[in-house]
Every structure is written in C-alpha cells, then in structure tokens.
Amino acid sequence: MLIGGSFNKVDKKGRIFVPSRFKEDLGETIVLCNGVFGKNCLWGFSVEEFDKFTAKLNRLPYGKMQDIYRFLSNSAVFAEFDASGRVLIPAELRTFAGIENEAHIVGMRSNIEIWSPD
C-alpha cells in the first residue's frame, strides 16, 4: 500500500528520486500521467494499477469515460527507474504540474501523486 509523503529534488535532467517504500509497490516500470479531477499534479501507477483504474472508467457514462481516458492517455508515459531509484519526468508533465526544482510525492494507496511544493 502506498502511503506517506516525501519531498525530493528534481535534477537538471528532470529525474526525481522515488523512495524505496513506494518503488516496492510500483514495480520497475510505472505509468506517469497528468492528474485529473481538477488537480494540477501527476499520477504514478504500477502498470497493473493503471489497468485497474482505467477499467473502472468503463462504469462512467460513455462520453465522460472517453473524455477522462483521452486526457490520461494523451499525457501517459511509461517510466523506468534507473539504478539510483530515480525516474525521469518528461518536461510536458513537469510543466503541467508546475514542478521545477523540487516535488512532493504523496502515497494515495494504489498510486502516487507528484505535486509542486508550491
């Protein structure tokens, strides 16, 4: 279960260290995407949890489901951890969330949120 929070520096290449307690649940490859529901943050899922989340979208009315899935899919990327436990956050995602030199990672049970500390 992903719980707790952590403030971490973002390096010049856009990489951020993800605490090992999160990495254990996320796996080696994660899905990063824009947060939805009016949140200017990023979401990070294990591949399995992303599949579960998007499957839940099928319960919504078709038009709403398409809008949300399109928003997620348009920004989604697969990201892999490097040997130091860092993951590269693409520039487009950092811009969306207003993340520059530091980020706040928050465990949300089945995924993480990555916020600008501001």
Protein backbone atom coordinates (compact mmCIF):
# COMPACT_ATOMS: atom_id res chain seq x y z
CA MET A 1 0.00 0.00 0.00
CA LEU A 2 1.35 3.42 -0.97
CA ILE A 3 1.13 5.79 1.99
CA GLY A 4 3.18 8.67 3.37
CA GLY A 5 4.86 11.62 1.75
CA SER A 6 8.31 12.73 0.69
CA PHE A 7 9.90 15.94 -0.63
CA ASN A 8 12.58 15.29 -3.23
CA LYS A 9 14.82 17.36 -5.50
CA VAL A 10 14.37 17.26 -9.27
CA ASP A 11 17.70 17.15 -11.07
CA LYS A 12 18.61 19.13 -14.20
CA LYS A 13 17.54 16.24 -16.43
CA GLY A 14 14.07 16.11 -14.83
CA ARG A 15 14.68 12.99 -12.76
CA ILE A 16 13.30 12.55 -9.27
CA PHE A 17 14.22 10.05 -6.59
CA VAL A 18 11.25 7.90 -5.56
CA PRO A 19 11.53 6.47 -2.05
CA SER A 20 12.11 2.72 -1.94
CA ARG A 21 8.92 2.19 0.08
CA PHE A 22 6.97 3.40 -2.97
CA LYS A 23 9.16 1.66 -5.52
CA GLU A 24 8.41 -1.73 -3.97
CA ASP A 25 4.69 -1.38 -4.78
CA LEU A 26 5.13 0.45 -8.09
CA GLY A 27 7.49 -2.06 -9.68
CA GLU A 28 10.26 -1.37 -12.17
CA THR A 29 8.07 0.40 -14.73
CA ILE A 30 5.44 2.95 -13.81
CA VAL A 31 2.81 4.87 -15.74
CA LEU A 32 3.07 8.64 -15.24
CA CYS A 33 0.24 10.90 -16.37
CA ASN A 34 -1.49 14.17 -15.65
CA GLY A 35 -3.78 14.06 -12.64
CA VAL A 36 -7.47 14.51 -13.38
CA PHE A 37 -10.46 15.90 -11.50
CA GLY A 38 -9.04 19.44 -11.39
CA LYS A 39 -5.72 18.50 -9.80
CA ASN A 40 -2.53 20.04 -11.18
CA CYS A 41 -0.41 17.13 -10.10
CA LEU A 42 0.93 13.99 -11.72
CA TRP A 43 -0.23 10.49 -11.03
CA GLY A 44 2.08 7.49 -10.94
CA PHE A 45 0.72 3.95 -11.12
CA SER A 46 2.13 0.49 -11.39
CA VAL A 47 1.13 -0.92 -14.78
CA GLU A 48 -1.35 -3.24 -13.03
CA GLU A 49 -2.97 -0.42 -11.03
CA PHE A 50 -3.25 1.77 -14.12
CA ASP A 51 -5.11 -1.07 -15.86
CA LYS A 52 -7.44 -1.39 -12.85
CA PHE A 53 -8.06 2.36 -12.73
CA THR A 54 -8.83 2.67 -16.42
CA ALA A 55 -11.11 -0.38 -16.23
CA LYS A 56 -13.15 1.46 -13.58
CA LEU A 57 -13.70 4.26 -16.08
CA ASN A 58 -15.95 1.89 -18.05
CA ARG A 59 -18.59 2.34 -15.32
CA LEU A 60 -18.97 6.01 -16.26
CA PRO A 61 -21.27 7.31 -18.99
CA TYR A 62 -19.58 6.78 -22.34
CA GLY A 63 -18.86 10.45 -23.13
CA LYS A 64 -17.37 11.17 -19.69
CA MET A 65 -15.33 7.95 -19.82
CA GLN A 66 -13.90 8.95 -23.20
CA ASP A 67 -13.01 12.46 -22.01
CA ILE A 68 -11.16 11.21 -18.93
CA TYR A 69 -9.41 8.37 -20.73
CA ARG A 70 -8.37 10.68 -23.57
CA PHE A 71 -6.91 13.16 -21.06
CA LEU A 72 -5.00 10.37 -19.26
CA SER A 73 -3.84 8.60 -22.39
CA ASN A 74 -2.65 11.78 -24.09
CA SER A 75 -0.22 12.50 -21.26
CA ALA A 76 0.66 8.95 -20.17
CA VAL A 77 4.20 7.63 -20.44
CA PHE A 78 5.96 4.52 -19.24
CA ALA A 79 8.87 5.41 -16.98
CA GLU A 80 11.55 3.09 -15.65
CA PHE A 81 13.63 3.51 -12.53
CA ASP A 82 17.36 3.93 -13.01
CA ALA A 83 19.94 2.20 -10.80
CA SER A 84 19.74 5.10 -8.31
CA GLY A 85 15.97 4.84 -7.84
CA ARG A 86 15.19 7.89 -9.96
CA VAL A 87 12.54 8.22 -12.62
CA LEU A 88 12.54 10.72 -15.48
CA ILE A 89 9.53 13.02 -15.55
CA PRO A 90 9.12 14.38 -19.09
CA ALA A 91 9.13 18.17 -19.49
CA GLU A 92 5.47 18.28 -20.57
CA LEU A 93 4.37 16.56 -17.36
CA ARG A 94 6.57 18.77 -15.18
CA THR A 95 5.10 21.85 -16.85
CA PHE A 96 1.53 20.65 -16.30
CA ALA A 97 2.16 20.16 -12.58
CA GLY A 98 4.38 23.24 -12.15
CA ILE A 99 7.26 21.07 -10.94
CA GLU A 100 10.68 22.68 -11.18
CA ASN A 101 13.43 22.03 -8.62
CA GLU A 102 11.55 20.03 -6.01
CA ALA A 103 8.49 17.81 -5.84
CA HIS A 104 6.26 16.40 -3.13
CA ILE A 105 5.39 12.72 -3.61
CA VAL A 106 2.29 11.52 -1.76
CA GLY A 107 1.14 7.90 -1.47
CA MET A 108 -2.56 7.53 -2.26
CA ARG A 109 -2.99 3.80 -1.50
CA SER A 110 -2.94 2.46 -5.08
CA ASN A 111 -0.95 5.23 -6.78
CA ILE A 112 1.26 8.21 -6.03
CA GLU A 113 0.65 11.86 -6.66
CA ILE A 114 3.56 14.15 -7.53
CA TRP A 115 2.99 17.81 -6.67
CA SER A 116 4.88 21.05 -6.87
CA PRO A 117 5.65 22.04 -3.27
CA ASP A 118 4.11 25.43 -4.04
